[in-house]
Each structure stands twice: as C-alpha cells, then as structure tokens.
Amino acid sequence: MTDAHPAAPDMAAPDLAAPDPAAPEMAAPDRFPPGTRVRTYRHDPPHHTRLPRYARGKRGVVVEPEGPEELADISARGRGDAPVEQIYAVRFEARDLWGEGDHHVVLDLWESYLEEDPDDER
C-alpha cells in the first residue's frame, strides 16, 4: 500500500490527523457544552458588536459549538490582535426576546458574549 494520491503518484497523501495550520487556534476546550443554560451580557459597547441589542441580557440554551473564529468586535475595527473564540449556537424563546411568539430563535454568539446561568428562573 502506498501513501501517494492515486491521481498523482508523486504526491503524498495528506495526514488527516495533523492539525490544519490555517485553522484558528483555541486555548481551551468548549466552555459551554450543548444544553448549558446561558445568559448574554448586557453590555452596550461604543464599537461594533455581533451581539444583537434585542438579545442582550437574555437567557438561552446552547445548542452546539459552531467552531472558533476571530472575535468580530475586534477584527471589524481593523485590528490584527482579535482573539479567537468558540462560537456557539444558542436557542432563545422568541417571547423572551420580543415579548411574544411561540417559536425559538437561534443565534450564533461568541463565547465572550455568554456567561453560565445556573440560576435560570424558568
């Protein structure tokens, strides 16, 4: 058996177990596993943020991690020092966001927008 790609015998097959050097690096494993109750921070920064105003200070449940990306709050300002954070799909009750509705809304939110909410009052 050979490690060469069948269409290009002189090319070695990629090592699928090796990390992708172009992928963003994260320092720690997922902080919020699926099912974790979280609350978004209520901050109102003077700069760009991807945390919608209607979702600030609201409670939700983590659906799943979406993967790491640079924090848009920093990178949108043209800075090259944006930290890489896990993004989470978080499910909210529509009535918790807008006062009405019997459906769910899922938002992709950076980890620094979230805190664990063990004292969920639902």
N, C-alpha and C. Protein backbone atom coordinates (compact mmCIF):
# COMPACT_ATOMS: atom_id res chain seq x y z
N MET A 1 0.85 -1.18 0.00
CA MET A 1 0.00 0.00 0.00
C MET A 1 0.89 1.23 0.00
N THR A 2 0.48 2.26 -0.71
CA THR A 2 1.27 3.48 -0.83
C THR A 2 0.51 4.66 -0.25
N ASP A 3 1.25 5.71 0.15
CA ASP A 3 0.64 6.92 0.68
C ASP A 3 0.37 7.94 -0.43
N ALA A 4 0.70 7.61 -1.66
CA ALA A 4 0.54 8.54 -2.77
C ALA A 4 -0.92 8.63 -3.19
N HIS A 5 -1.32 9.80 -3.63
CA HIS A 5 -2.66 10.02 -4.16
C HIS A 5 -2.77 9.26 -5.47
N PRO A 6 -3.87 8.51 -5.71
CA PRO A 6 -3.96 7.70 -6.93
C PRO A 6 -3.91 8.52 -8.21
N ALA A 7 -4.39 9.75 -8.19
CA ALA A 7 -4.38 10.57 -9.40
C ALA A 7 -3.04 11.24 -9.64
N ALA A 8 -2.23 11.34 -8.60
CA ALA A 8 -0.91 11.97 -8.72
C ALA A 8 0.08 11.15 -7.90
N PRO A 9 0.67 10.11 -8.50
CA PRO A 9 1.52 9.19 -7.76
C PRO A 9 2.70 9.82 -7.04
N ASP A 10 3.14 11.00 -7.48
CA ASP A 10 4.28 11.61 -6.81
C ASP A 10 3.87 12.52 -5.65
N MET A 11 2.56 12.64 -5.38
CA MET A 11 2.07 13.46 -4.25
C MET A 11 1.78 12.56 -3.07
N ALA A 12 2.27 12.92 -1.92
CA ALA A 12 1.97 12.17 -0.70
C ALA A 12 0.55 12.47 -0.26
N ALA A 13 -0.10 11.49 0.30
CA ALA A 13 -1.46 11.68 0.83
C ALA A 13 -1.39 12.60 2.04
N PRO A 14 -2.39 13.47 2.22
CA PRO A 14 -2.37 14.36 3.38
C PRO A 14 -2.53 13.57 4.67
N ASP A 15 -1.90 14.07 5.72
CA ASP A 15 -2.04 13.46 7.04
C ASP A 15 -3.30 14.04 7.67
N LEU A 16 -4.39 13.28 7.64
CA LEU A 16 -5.68 13.77 8.13
C LEU A 16 -5.70 13.98 9.63
N ALA A 17 -4.78 13.37 10.35
CA ALA A 17 -4.73 13.55 11.80
C ALA A 17 -3.97 14.81 12.19
N ALA A 18 -3.20 15.37 11.27
CA ALA A 18 -2.42 16.57 11.57
C ALA A 18 -3.34 17.80 11.59
N PRO A 19 -3.09 18.76 12.50
CA PRO A 19 -3.92 19.96 12.54
C PRO A 19 -3.71 20.81 11.30
N ASP A 20 -4.75 21.49 10.90
CA ASP A 20 -4.69 22.39 9.75
C ASP A 20 -3.98 23.66 10.19
N PRO A 21 -2.82 23.99 9.60
CA PRO A 21 -2.08 25.18 10.04
C PRO A 21 -2.83 26.48 9.77
N ALA A 22 -3.81 26.47 8.86
CA ALA A 22 -4.56 27.68 8.56
C ALA A 22 -5.76 27.85 9.49
N ALA A 23 -6.10 26.82 10.25
CA ALA A 23 -7.26 26.90 11.15
C ALA A 23 -6.92 27.73 12.38
N PRO A 24 -7.88 28.54 12.87
CA PRO A 24 -7.62 29.32 14.08
C PRO A 24 -7.35 28.40 15.26
N GLU A 25 -6.45 28.81 16.14
CA GLU A 25 -6.13 28.02 17.31
C GLU A 25 -6.92 28.52 18.51
N MET A 26 -7.37 27.59 19.34
CA MET A 26 -8.07 27.95 20.56
C MET A 26 -7.27 27.44 21.74
N ALA A 27 -7.35 28.16 22.84
CA ALA A 27 -6.57 27.81 24.01
C ALA A 27 -7.21 26.72 24.84
N ALA A 28 -8.52 26.62 24.86
CA ALA A 28 -9.19 25.69 25.77
C ALA A 28 -10.33 24.97 25.04
N PRO A 29 -10.78 23.85 25.61
CA PRO A 29 -11.94 23.16 25.03
C PRO A 29 -13.21 23.99 25.23
N ASP A 30 -14.30 23.52 24.65
CA ASP A 30 -15.57 24.24 24.74
C ASP A 30 -15.95 24.49 26.20
N ARG A 31 -16.25 25.73 26.49
CA ARG A 31 -16.64 26.12 27.85
C ARG A 31 -18.10 25.76 28.14
N PHE A 32 -18.94 25.81 27.09
CA PHE A 32 -20.36 25.56 27.26
C PHE A 32 -20.80 24.36 26.41
N PRO A 33 -20.96 23.19 27.02
CA PRO A 33 -21.44 22.04 26.24
C PRO A 33 -22.92 22.21 25.87
N PRO A 34 -23.39 21.49 24.86
CA PRO A 34 -24.80 21.56 24.50
C PRO A 34 -25.69 21.32 25.72
N GLY A 35 -26.77 22.11 25.80
CA GLY A 35 -27.70 22.01 26.91
C GLY A 35 -27.40 22.96 28.05
N THR A 36 -26.26 23.64 28.02
CA THR A 36 -25.91 24.58 29.08
C THR A 36 -26.80 25.81 29.00
N ARG A 37 -27.35 26.19 30.13
CA ARG A 37 -28.15 27.41 30.19
C ARG A 37 -27.19 28.58 30.34
N VAL A 38 -27.39 29.58 29.48
CA VAL A 38 -26.50 30.74 29.47
C VAL A 38 -27.32 32.02 29.47
N ARG A 39 -26.64 33.10 29.79
CA ARG A 39 -27.22 34.43 29.70
C ARG A 39 -26.23 35.29 28.92
N THR A 40 -26.74 36.14 28.05
CA THR A 40 -25.85 37.05 27.32
C THR A 40 -25.55 38.25 28.20
N TYR A 41 -24.38 38.84 27.97
CA TYR A 41 -24.01 40.04 28.71
C TYR A 41 -24.87 41.21 28.25
N ARG A 42 -25.09 42.14 29.15
CA ARG A 42 -25.95 43.28 28.88
C ARG A 42 -25.15 44.52 28.44
N HIS A 43 -23.91 44.35 28.06
CA HIS A 43 -23.06 45.50 27.72
C HIS A 43 -23.51 46.18 26.42
N ASP A 44 -23.20 47.45 26.32
CA ASP A 44 -23.51 48.24 25.12
C ASP A 44 -22.24 48.98 24.73
N PRO A 45 -21.34 48.27 24.03
CA PRO A 45 -20.04 48.88 23.72
C PRO A 45 -20.16 50.03 22.73
N PRO A 46 -19.19 50.94 22.75
CA PRO A 46 -19.21 52.08 21.82
C PRO A 46 -18.70 51.71 20.43
N HIS A 47 -18.49 50.42 20.18
CA HIS A 47 -17.95 49.97 18.91
C HIS A 47 -18.82 48.83 18.38
N HIS A 48 -18.45 48.32 17.23
CA HIS A 48 -19.17 47.21 16.60
C HIS A 48 -19.24 45.99 17.53
N THR A 49 -20.38 45.33 17.55
CA THR A 49 -20.51 44.04 18.23
C THR A 49 -21.51 43.21 17.45
N ARG A 50 -21.31 41.89 17.48
CA ARG A 50 -22.23 40.98 16.80
C ARG A 50 -23.29 40.45 17.75
N LEU A 51 -23.34 40.98 18.97
CA LEU A 51 -24.39 40.61 19.92
C LEU A 51 -25.55 41.57 19.71
N PRO A 52 -26.65 41.08 19.12
CA PRO A 52 -27.78 41.98 18.83
C PRO A 52 -28.33 42.62 20.10
N ARG A 53 -28.73 43.86 19.97
CA ARG A 53 -29.28 44.59 21.12
C ARG A 53 -30.47 43.85 21.74
N TYR A 54 -31.33 43.27 20.90
CA TYR A 54 -32.52 42.59 21.42
C TYR A 54 -32.19 41.33 22.21
N ALA A 55 -30.95 40.83 22.09
CA ALA A 55 -30.56 39.60 22.80
C ALA A 55 -29.69 39.88 24.03
N ARG A 56 -29.41 41.12 24.32
CA ARG A 56 -28.54 41.45 25.45
C ARG A 56 -29.25 41.24 26.78
N GLY A 57 -28.58 40.51 27.68
CA GLY A 57 -29.15 40.22 28.99
C GLY A 57 -30.20 39.12 28.97
N LYS A 58 -30.31 38.39 27.89
CA LYS A 58 -31.35 37.36 27.74
C LYS A 58 -30.80 35.97 28.02
N ARG A 59 -31.70 35.09 28.43
CA ARG A 59 -31.35 33.69 28.72
C ARG A 59 -31.63 32.80 27.53
N GLY A 60 -30.74 31.82 27.34
CA GLY A 60 -30.91 30.85 26.27
C GLY A 60 -30.24 29.55 26.64
N VAL A 61 -30.24 28.61 25.70
CA VAL A 61 -29.63 27.30 25.89
C VAL A 61 -28.70 27.02 24.72
N VAL A 62 -27.49 26.57 25.04
CA VAL A 62 -26.52 26.24 24.00
C VAL A 62 -27.01 25.02 23.23
N VAL A 63 -27.06 25.14 21.90
CA VAL A 63 -27.45 24.04 21.04
C VAL A 63 -26.21 23.23 20.68
N GLU A 64 -25.18 23.94 20.20
CA GLU A 64 -23.93 23.26 19.82
C GLU A 64 -22.84 24.30 19.57
N PRO A 65 -21.58 23.86 19.68
CA PRO A 65 -20.49 24.75 19.28
C PRO A 65 -20.43 24.82 17.76
N GLU A 66 -20.11 25.99 17.24
CA GLU A 66 -20.06 26.20 15.79
C GLU A 66 -18.64 26.27 15.26
N GLY A 67 -17.66 26.31 16.14
CA GLY A 67 -16.27 26.40 15.72
C GLY A 67 -15.66 27.73 16.11
N PRO A 68 -14.35 27.78 16.10
CA PRO A 68 -13.65 29.00 16.51
C PRO A 68 -13.51 30.01 15.38
N GLU A 69 -13.58 31.27 15.73
CA GLU A 69 -13.37 32.37 14.77
C GLU A 69 -12.82 33.57 15.54
N GLU A 70 -12.20 34.48 14.80
CA GLU A 70 -11.74 35.71 15.42
C GLU A 70 -12.94 36.50 15.92
N LEU A 71 -12.78 37.15 17.07
CA LEU A 71 -13.84 37.96 17.64
C LEU A 71 -14.09 39.17 16.74
N ALA A 72 -15.27 39.23 16.16
CA ALA A 72 -15.60 40.27 15.18
C ALA A 72 -15.57 41.66 15.80
N ASP A 73 -15.83 41.79 17.08
CA ASP A 73 -15.80 43.09 17.74
C ASP A 73 -14.44 43.77 17.57
N ILE A 74 -13.38 42.97 17.53
CA ILE A 74 -12.03 43.49 17.39
C ILE A 74 -11.62 43.55 15.91
N SER A 75 -11.83 42.46 15.19
CA SER A 75 -11.37 42.42 13.80
C SER A 75 -12.10 43.42 12.91
N ALA A 76 -13.35 43.76 13.22
CA ALA A 76 -14.10 44.73 12.42
C ALA A 76 -13.51 46.13 12.53
N ARG A 77 -12.72 46.36 13.56
CA ARG A 77 -12.07 47.68 13.73
C ARG A 77 -10.72 47.73 13.04
N GLY A 78 -10.41 46.67 12.27
CA GLY A 78 -9.17 46.65 11.52
C GLY A 78 -7.95 46.29 12.34
N ARG A 79 -8.17 45.83 13.54
CA ARG A 79 -7.05 45.45 14.39
C ARG A 79 -6.63 44.01 14.08
N GLY A 80 -5.36 43.75 14.20
CA GLY A 80 -4.84 42.41 13.90
C GLY A 80 -4.67 41.54 15.13
N ASP A 81 -5.19 41.99 16.27
CA ASP A 81 -4.99 41.25 17.52
C ASP A 81 -6.28 40.62 18.05
N ALA A 82 -7.22 40.35 17.16
CA ALA A 82 -8.50 39.78 17.60
C ALA A 82 -8.29 38.38 18.16
N PRO A 83 -8.81 38.12 19.37
CA PRO A 83 -8.69 36.77 19.92
C PRO A 83 -9.60 35.80 19.16
N VAL A 84 -9.20 34.55 19.15
CA VAL A 84 -10.02 33.50 18.54
C VAL A 84 -10.87 32.89 19.65
N GLU A 85 -12.17 32.86 19.42
CA GLU A 85 -13.10 32.32 20.41
C GLU A 85 -14.04 31.32 19.76
N GLN A 86 -14.55 30.43 20.59
CA GLN A 86 -15.59 29.50 20.14
C GLN A 86 -16.87 30.28 19.90
N ILE A 87 -17.55 29.93 18.84
CA ILE A 87 -18.89 30.46 18.57
C ILE A 87 -19.88 29.36 18.93
N TYR A 88 -20.97 29.74 19.58
CA TYR A 88 -22.00 28.78 19.98
C TYR A 88 -23.33 29.14 19.34
N ALA A 89 -24.06 28.12 18.90
CA ALA A 89 -25.46 28.30 18.51
C ALA A 89 -26.25 28.28 19.80
N VAL A 90 -26.98 29.36 20.07
CA VAL A 90 -27.75 29.49 21.31
C VAL A 90 -29.21 29.70 20.95
N ARG A 91 -30.08 28.88 21.56
CA ARG A 91 -31.53 28.93 21.29
C ARG A 91 -32.23 29.79 22.35
N PHE A 92 -33.04 30.73 21.89
CA PHE A 92 -33.81 31.61 22.76
C PHE A 92 -35.30 31.42 22.46
N GLU A 93 -36.12 31.60 23.46
CA GLU A 93 -37.57 31.66 23.25
C GLU A 93 -37.87 33.02 22.64
N ALA A 94 -38.66 33.06 21.58
CA ALA A 94 -39.00 34.33 20.93
C ALA A 94 -39.66 35.28 21.91
N ARG A 95 -40.52 34.77 22.79
CA ARG A 95 -41.20 35.65 23.74
C ARG A 95 -40.23 36.29 24.73
N ASP A 96 -39.08 35.61 24.99
CA ASP A 96 -38.07 36.21 25.87
C ASP A 96 -37.34 37.35 25.18
N LEU A 97 -37.25 37.30 23.86
CA LEU A 97 -36.57 38.36 23.11
C LEU A 97 -37.48 39.53 22.78
N TRP A 98 -38.74 39.23 22.41
CA TRP A 98 -39.62 40.28 21.92
C TRP A 98 -40.95 40.39 22.67
N GLY A 99 -41.17 39.57 23.71
CA GLY A 99 -42.40 39.66 24.48
C GLY A 99 -43.56 38.87 23.91
N GLU A 100 -43.38 38.25 22.76
CA GLU A 100 -44.43 37.43 22.16
C GLU A 100 -43.80 36.41 21.21
N GLY A 101 -44.61 35.45 20.80
CA GLY A 101 -44.14 34.42 19.87
C GLY A 101 -44.00 33.08 20.58
N ASP A 102 -44.35 32.02 19.86
CA ASP A 102 -44.26 30.69 20.45
C ASP A 102 -43.23 29.83 19.72
N HIS A 103 -42.23 30.48 19.13
CA HIS A 103 -41.18 29.77 18.42
C HIS A 103 -39.82 30.07 19.06
N HIS A 104 -38.79 29.43 18.52
CA HIS A 104 -37.43 29.64 19.00
C HIS A 104 -36.62 30.43 17.99
N VAL A 105 -35.62 31.11 18.47
CA VAL A 105 -34.67 31.85 17.64
C VAL A 105 -33.28 31.34 18.01
N VAL A 106 -32.47 30.99 17.02
CA VAL A 106 -31.11 30.52 17.28
C VAL A 106 -30.14 31.57 16.74
N LEU A 107 -29.23 32.00 17.63
CA LEU A 107 -28.21 32.99 17.26
C LEU A 107 -26.84 32.37 17.43
N ASP A 108 -25.91 32.70 16.55
CA ASP A 108 -24.52 32.28 16.68
C ASP A 108 -23.79 33.39 17.44
N LEU A 109 -23.28 33.05 18.63
CA LEU A 109 -22.69 34.04 19.52
C LEU A 109 -21.30 33.63 19.98
N TRP A 110 -20.40 34.60 20.05
CA TRP A 110 -19.05 34.34 20.55
C TRP A 110 -19.09 34.05 22.05
N GLU A 111 -18.13 33.24 22.48
CA GLU A 111 -18.07 32.82 23.88
C GLU A 111 -18.04 33.99 24.86
N SER A 112 -17.33 35.06 24.53
CA SER A 112 -17.22 36.19 25.47
C SER A 112 -18.53 36.95 25.64
N TYR A 113 -19.54 36.66 24.83
CA TYR A 113 -20.85 37.27 25.00
C TYR A 113 -21.70 36.53 26.02
N LEU A 114 -21.22 35.37 26.47
CA LEU A 114 -22.04 34.47 27.28
C LEU A 114 -21.47 34.24 28.67
N GLU A 115 -22.37 33.99 29.61
CA GLU A 115 -21.99 33.51 30.93
C GLU A 115 -22.97 32.40 31.30
N GLU A 116 -22.50 31.44 32.09
CA GLU A 116 -23.37 30.36 32.51
C GLU A 116 -24.47 30.93 33.40
N ASP A 117 -25.66 30.39 33.29
CA ASP A 117 -26.82 30.87 34.04
C ASP A 117 -27.42 29.70 34.83
N PRO A 118 -26.73 29.24 35.88
CA PRO A 118 -27.24 28.09 36.62
C PRO A 118 -28.51 28.38 37.39
N ASP A 119 -28.80 29.65 37.65
CA ASP A 119 -29.98 30.02 38.41
C ASP A 119 -31.13 30.44 37.51
N ASP A 120 -31.25 29.76 36.39
CA ASP A 120 -32.31 30.07 35.44
C ASP A 120 -33.65 29.98 36.14
N GLU A 121 -34.45 31.04 36.04
CA GLU A 121 -35.74 31.13 36.78
C GLU A 121 -36.92 30.61 36.00
N ARG A 122 -36.71 29.88 34.92
CA ARG A 122 -37.85 29.38 34.13
C ARG A 122 -38.56 28.30 34.84
